[in-house]
N, C-alpha and C. Protein backbone atom coordinates (compact mmCIF):
# COMPACT_ATOMS: atom_id res chain seq x y z
N UNK A 1 0.12 -6.21 -22.96
CA UNK A 1 -0.70 -6.21 -21.78
C UNK A 1 -0.46 -7.47 -20.99
N UNK A 2 -0.74 -7.40 -19.70
CA UNK A 2 -0.47 -8.50 -18.81
C UNK A 2 -1.55 -8.54 -17.74
N UNK A 3 -1.53 -9.56 -16.94
CA UNK A 3 -2.40 -9.62 -15.78
C UNK A 3 -1.68 -9.21 -14.52
N UNK A 4 -0.35 -9.18 -14.59
CA UNK A 4 0.46 -8.93 -13.40
C UNK A 4 1.54 -7.88 -13.69
N UNK A 5 1.68 -6.92 -12.76
CA UNK A 5 2.66 -5.85 -12.90
C UNK A 5 3.31 -5.54 -11.57
N UNK A 6 4.52 -5.00 -11.62
CA UNK A 6 5.20 -4.45 -10.45
C UNK A 6 5.54 -3.00 -10.78
N UNK A 7 5.21 -2.10 -9.83
CA UNK A 7 5.47 -0.68 -10.01
C UNK A 7 6.22 -0.17 -8.78
N UNK A 8 7.42 0.39 -8.95
CA UNK A 8 8.12 0.98 -7.80
C UNK A 8 7.46 2.31 -7.41
N UNK A 9 7.58 2.67 -6.13
CA UNK A 9 7.08 3.98 -5.70
C UNK A 9 8.08 4.61 -4.74
N UNK A 10 8.04 5.94 -4.69
CA UNK A 10 8.89 6.72 -3.79
C UNK A 10 8.06 7.89 -3.28
N UNK A 11 7.65 7.81 -2.03
CA UNK A 11 6.86 8.88 -1.42
C UNK A 11 7.67 9.60 -0.35
N UNK A 12 8.98 9.75 -0.57
CA UNK A 12 9.84 10.43 0.40
C UNK A 12 10.21 11.83 -0.10
N UNK A 13 10.63 12.68 0.81
CA UNK A 13 11.14 14.02 0.49
C UNK A 13 10.21 14.84 -0.39
N UNK A 14 8.92 14.79 -0.12
CA UNK A 14 7.94 15.59 -0.87
C UNK A 14 7.47 14.96 -2.17
N UNK A 15 7.99 13.80 -2.52
CA UNK A 15 7.54 13.12 -3.73
C UNK A 15 6.25 12.36 -3.46
N UNK A 16 5.49 12.13 -4.51
CA UNK A 16 4.27 11.34 -4.37
C UNK A 16 4.07 10.50 -5.63
N UNK A 17 3.28 9.45 -5.50
CA UNK A 17 3.07 8.51 -6.58
C UNK A 17 1.58 8.37 -6.86
N UNK A 18 1.24 8.31 -8.14
CA UNK A 18 -0.14 8.08 -8.58
C UNK A 18 -0.16 6.86 -9.49
N UNK A 19 -1.27 6.16 -9.50
CA UNK A 19 -1.43 4.94 -10.28
C UNK A 19 -2.71 5.05 -11.10
N UNK A 20 -2.65 4.60 -12.35
CA UNK A 20 -3.83 4.47 -13.19
C UNK A 20 -3.91 3.03 -13.66
N UNK A 21 -5.08 2.43 -13.52
CA UNK A 21 -5.33 1.05 -13.94
C UNK A 21 -6.40 1.03 -15.01
N UNK A 22 -6.25 0.17 -15.98
CA UNK A 22 -7.29 -0.02 -16.99
C UNK A 22 -7.53 -1.51 -17.18
N UNK A 23 -8.78 -1.89 -17.18
CA UNK A 23 -9.16 -3.26 -17.48
C UNK A 23 -9.37 -3.34 -18.99
N UNK A 24 -8.59 -4.14 -19.65
CA UNK A 24 -8.74 -4.27 -21.10
C UNK A 24 -9.42 -5.59 -21.46
N UNK A 25 -10.10 -6.18 -20.47
CA UNK A 25 -10.82 -7.43 -20.66
C UNK A 25 -12.30 -7.17 -20.90
N UNK A 26 -12.95 -8.13 -21.51
CA UNK A 26 -14.39 -8.03 -21.76
C UNK A 26 -15.21 -8.43 -20.54
N UNK A 27 -14.54 -8.83 -19.46
CA UNK A 27 -15.23 -9.18 -18.22
C UNK A 27 -14.62 -8.39 -17.07
N UNK A 28 -15.37 -8.24 -15.99
CA UNK A 28 -14.85 -7.55 -14.81
C UNK A 28 -13.65 -8.31 -14.26
N UNK A 29 -12.71 -7.58 -13.69
CA UNK A 29 -11.55 -8.21 -13.05
C UNK A 29 -11.37 -7.63 -11.66
N UNK A 30 -10.89 -8.48 -10.76
CA UNK A 30 -10.50 -8.03 -9.43
C UNK A 30 -9.01 -8.26 -9.31
N UNK A 31 -8.27 -7.16 -9.24
CA UNK A 31 -6.82 -7.23 -9.11
C UNK A 31 -6.44 -7.14 -7.64
N UNK A 32 -5.51 -7.97 -7.23
CA UNK A 32 -4.94 -7.89 -5.89
C UNK A 32 -3.75 -6.94 -5.94
N UNK A 33 -3.67 -6.05 -4.96
CA UNK A 33 -2.56 -5.11 -4.85
C UNK A 33 -1.80 -5.44 -3.58
N UNK A 34 -0.51 -5.74 -3.73
CA UNK A 34 0.37 -5.97 -2.58
C UNK A 34 1.36 -4.83 -2.52
N UNK A 35 1.43 -4.16 -1.37
CA UNK A 35 2.35 -3.05 -1.19
C UNK A 35 3.49 -3.52 -0.29
N UNK A 36 4.71 -3.43 -0.83
CA UNK A 36 5.89 -3.86 -0.08
C UNK A 36 6.81 -2.67 0.15
N UNK A 37 7.54 -2.70 1.27
CA UNK A 37 8.52 -1.64 1.52
C UNK A 37 9.79 -1.93 0.73
N UNK A 38 10.78 -1.04 0.83
CA UNK A 38 11.99 -1.21 0.03
C UNK A 38 12.86 -2.38 0.48
N UNK A 39 12.51 -3.01 1.60
CA UNK A 39 13.20 -4.23 2.02
C UNK A 39 12.48 -5.48 1.53
N UNK A 40 11.32 -5.29 0.86
CA UNK A 40 10.59 -6.42 0.30
C UNK A 40 9.50 -6.99 1.19
N UNK A 41 9.32 -6.43 2.40
CA UNK A 41 8.28 -6.93 3.30
C UNK A 41 6.92 -6.38 2.89
N UNK A 42 5.92 -7.25 2.77
CA UNK A 42 4.57 -6.83 2.42
C UNK A 42 3.97 -6.07 3.60
N UNK A 43 3.53 -4.83 3.33
CA UNK A 43 2.94 -3.99 4.37
C UNK A 43 1.41 -4.01 4.33
N UNK A 44 0.84 -4.27 3.14
CA UNK A 44 -0.61 -4.25 3.00
C UNK A 44 -1.00 -4.96 1.72
N UNK A 45 -2.13 -5.67 1.76
CA UNK A 45 -2.74 -6.24 0.56
C UNK A 45 -4.15 -5.72 0.47
N UNK A 46 -4.60 -5.47 -0.75
CA UNK A 46 -5.92 -4.92 -1.00
C UNK A 46 -6.38 -5.44 -2.35
N UNK A 47 -7.63 -5.16 -2.71
CA UNK A 47 -8.13 -5.51 -4.04
C UNK A 47 -8.82 -4.30 -4.65
N UNK A 48 -8.86 -4.29 -5.96
CA UNK A 48 -9.62 -3.29 -6.70
C UNK A 48 -10.36 -4.03 -7.81
N UNK A 49 -11.66 -3.77 -7.93
CA UNK A 49 -12.47 -4.39 -8.96
C UNK A 49 -12.75 -3.37 -10.06
N UNK A 50 -12.53 -3.79 -11.29
CA UNK A 50 -12.76 -2.93 -12.44
C UNK A 50 -13.79 -3.59 -13.36
N UNK A 51 -14.86 -2.87 -13.72
CA UNK A 51 -15.82 -3.40 -14.69
C UNK A 51 -15.13 -3.62 -16.04
N UNK A 52 -15.78 -4.30 -16.97
CA UNK A 52 -15.19 -4.51 -18.29
C UNK A 52 -14.81 -3.19 -18.95
N UNK A 53 -13.62 -3.13 -19.50
CA UNK A 53 -13.12 -1.98 -20.26
C UNK A 53 -13.16 -0.67 -19.47
N UNK A 54 -13.00 -0.75 -18.15
CA UNK A 54 -13.07 0.43 -17.29
C UNK A 54 -11.68 0.81 -16.78
N UNK A 55 -11.60 1.97 -16.15
CA UNK A 55 -10.33 2.42 -15.59
C UNK A 55 -10.56 3.06 -14.23
N UNK A 56 -9.49 3.18 -13.47
CA UNK A 56 -9.52 3.82 -12.15
C UNK A 56 -8.15 4.41 -11.89
N UNK A 57 -8.11 5.52 -11.19
CA UNK A 57 -6.84 6.12 -10.82
C UNK A 57 -6.90 6.60 -9.38
N UNK A 58 -5.72 6.68 -8.75
CA UNK A 58 -5.64 7.13 -7.37
C UNK A 58 -4.20 7.50 -7.05
N UNK A 59 -4.05 8.32 -6.02
CA UNK A 59 -2.71 8.58 -5.49
C UNK A 59 -2.51 7.65 -4.30
N UNK A 60 -1.27 7.27 -4.08
CA UNK A 60 -1.00 6.41 -2.92
C UNK A 60 -1.32 7.14 -1.63
N UNK A 61 -1.09 8.46 -1.59
CA UNK A 61 -1.38 9.24 -0.39
C UNK A 61 -2.87 9.18 -0.05
N UNK A 62 -3.74 9.27 -1.05
CA UNK A 62 -5.18 9.24 -0.80
C UNK A 62 -5.68 7.85 -0.41
N UNK A 63 -5.18 6.84 -1.09
CA UNK A 63 -5.72 5.49 -0.87
C UNK A 63 -4.97 4.71 0.22
N UNK A 64 -3.65 4.91 0.30
CA UNK A 64 -2.84 4.12 1.24
C UNK A 64 -1.86 4.99 2.02
N UNK A 65 -2.25 6.22 2.32
CA UNK A 65 -1.35 7.17 2.96
C UNK A 65 -0.72 6.69 4.26
N UNK A 66 -1.49 5.99 5.08
CA UNK A 66 -0.94 5.55 6.37
C UNK A 66 0.15 4.50 6.19
N UNK A 67 0.17 3.82 5.06
CA UNK A 67 1.15 2.76 4.82
C UNK A 67 2.33 3.25 3.98
N UNK A 68 2.08 4.16 3.04
CA UNK A 68 3.12 4.54 2.08
C UNK A 68 3.78 5.89 2.37
N UNK A 69 3.29 6.63 3.35
CA UNK A 69 3.88 7.95 3.66
C UNK A 69 5.34 7.81 4.05
N UNK A 70 6.18 8.64 3.44
CA UNK A 70 7.61 8.68 3.72
C UNK A 70 8.29 7.31 3.53
N UNK A 71 7.84 6.57 2.54
CA UNK A 71 8.42 5.25 2.24
C UNK A 71 8.68 5.09 0.76
N UNK A 72 9.57 4.15 0.47
CA UNK A 72 9.81 3.65 -0.89
C UNK A 72 9.44 2.18 -0.89
N UNK A 73 9.10 1.68 -2.07
CA UNK A 73 8.78 0.27 -2.15
C UNK A 73 8.21 -0.08 -3.51
N UNK A 74 7.38 -1.11 -3.52
CA UNK A 74 6.76 -1.56 -4.77
C UNK A 74 5.29 -1.88 -4.54
N UNK A 75 4.55 -1.75 -5.63
CA UNK A 75 3.17 -2.22 -5.68
C UNK A 75 3.15 -3.37 -6.66
N UNK A 76 2.55 -4.47 -6.27
CA UNK A 76 2.42 -5.61 -7.19
C UNK A 76 0.94 -5.84 -7.45
N UNK A 77 0.58 -5.82 -8.72
CA UNK A 77 -0.79 -6.04 -9.16
C UNK A 77 -0.89 -7.44 -9.75
N UNK A 78 -1.82 -8.24 -9.23
CA UNK A 78 -2.02 -9.61 -9.71
C UNK A 78 -3.48 -9.75 -10.11
N UNK A 79 -3.71 -10.21 -11.33
CA UNK A 79 -5.06 -10.36 -11.86
C UNK A 79 -5.26 -11.81 -12.27
N UNK A 80 -6.36 -12.45 -11.83
CA UNK A 80 -6.60 -13.83 -12.23
C UNK A 80 -6.78 -13.96 -13.74
N UNK A 81 -6.33 -15.08 -14.30
CA UNK A 81 -6.53 -15.39 -15.71
C UNK A 81 -8.01 -15.55 -15.96
N UNK A 82 -8.57 -15.07 -17.03
CA UNK A 82 -7.95 -14.50 -18.22
C UNK A 82 -7.91 -12.97 -18.20
N UNK A 83 -8.05 -12.35 -17.03
CA UNK A 83 -8.08 -10.90 -16.95
C UNK A 83 -6.78 -10.25 -17.41
N UNK A 84 -6.91 -9.13 -18.10
CA UNK A 84 -5.76 -8.36 -18.56
C UNK A 84 -5.95 -6.91 -18.14
N UNK A 85 -4.89 -6.34 -17.58
CA UNK A 85 -4.95 -4.95 -17.17
C UNK A 85 -3.75 -4.21 -17.76
N UNK A 86 -3.83 -2.91 -17.69
CA UNK A 86 -2.71 -2.05 -18.03
C UNK A 86 -2.50 -1.13 -16.84
N UNK A 87 -1.24 -0.85 -16.50
CA UNK A 87 -0.92 -0.05 -15.32
C UNK A 87 0.03 1.07 -15.72
N UNK A 88 -0.25 2.27 -15.23
CA UNK A 88 0.60 3.43 -15.44
C UNK A 88 0.94 4.01 -14.08
N UNK A 89 2.22 4.27 -13.84
CA UNK A 89 2.64 4.94 -12.62
C UNK A 89 3.16 6.32 -12.94
N UNK A 90 2.82 7.29 -12.09
CA UNK A 90 3.32 8.66 -12.24
C UNK A 90 3.98 9.08 -10.94
N UNK A 91 5.14 9.71 -11.06
CA UNK A 91 5.87 10.21 -9.91
C UNK A 91 5.89 11.73 -9.96
N UNK A 92 5.48 12.36 -8.86
CA UNK A 92 5.46 13.81 -8.74
C UNK A 92 6.50 14.23 -7.71
N UNK A 93 7.33 15.23 -8.04
CA UNK A 93 8.28 15.71 -7.05
C UNK A 93 7.65 16.84 -6.24
N UNK A 94 8.39 17.39 -5.30
CA UNK A 94 7.86 18.41 -4.39
C UNK A 94 7.40 19.67 -5.10
N UNK A 95 7.92 19.96 -6.30
CA UNK A 95 7.51 21.17 -7.03
C UNK A 95 6.35 20.91 -7.98
N UNK A 96 5.90 19.67 -8.10
CA UNK A 96 4.77 19.33 -8.96
C UNK A 96 5.16 18.79 -10.32
N UNK A 97 6.45 18.81 -10.64
CA UNK A 97 6.88 18.20 -11.91
C UNK A 97 6.65 16.69 -11.81
N UNK A 98 6.35 16.07 -12.94
CA UNK A 98 6.07 14.64 -12.88
C UNK A 98 6.73 13.91 -14.04
N UNK A 99 6.84 12.60 -13.85
CA UNK A 99 7.35 11.71 -14.89
C UNK A 99 6.66 10.36 -14.74
N UNK A 100 6.70 9.57 -15.79
CA UNK A 100 6.14 8.23 -15.72
C UNK A 100 7.11 7.31 -15.00
N UNK A 101 6.58 6.28 -14.40
CA UNK A 101 7.38 5.28 -13.70
C UNK A 101 7.36 4.02 -14.55
N UNK A 102 8.51 3.47 -14.87
CA UNK A 102 8.52 2.22 -15.63
C UNK A 102 7.81 1.11 -14.85
N UNK A 103 6.87 0.44 -15.50
CA UNK A 103 6.19 -0.69 -14.88
C UNK A 103 6.78 -1.98 -15.45
N UNK A 104 6.78 -3.00 -14.64
CA UNK A 104 7.37 -4.28 -15.03
C UNK A 104 6.24 -5.30 -15.16
N UNK A 105 6.00 -5.79 -16.36
CA UNK A 105 5.01 -6.85 -16.56
C UNK A 105 5.62 -8.16 -16.11
N UNK A 106 4.85 -8.94 -15.39
CA UNK A 106 5.36 -10.23 -14.90
C UNK A 106 4.84 -11.37 -15.75
């Protein structure tokens, strides 16, 4: 587990990305989310607060559709010490088949 992760996303050609976050800390954590395009430019920053031992999930289309539609890039999750989170990325293709996305702990 880590406090910081990078997750690639691809929302082009009918594909979509979903994210699941889990707080594995005994205290609430507020993670910063930075969304960058495939050239590395930050398009949006946001935060998500998770109560102790809680989880949250969302699709990029639902939460950040105006920024991530028809784009590829990365999401970077940063959590202040001593917070620890776990991140899972899922990629869905146009037919609904899905696979996990490798996440990179920083």
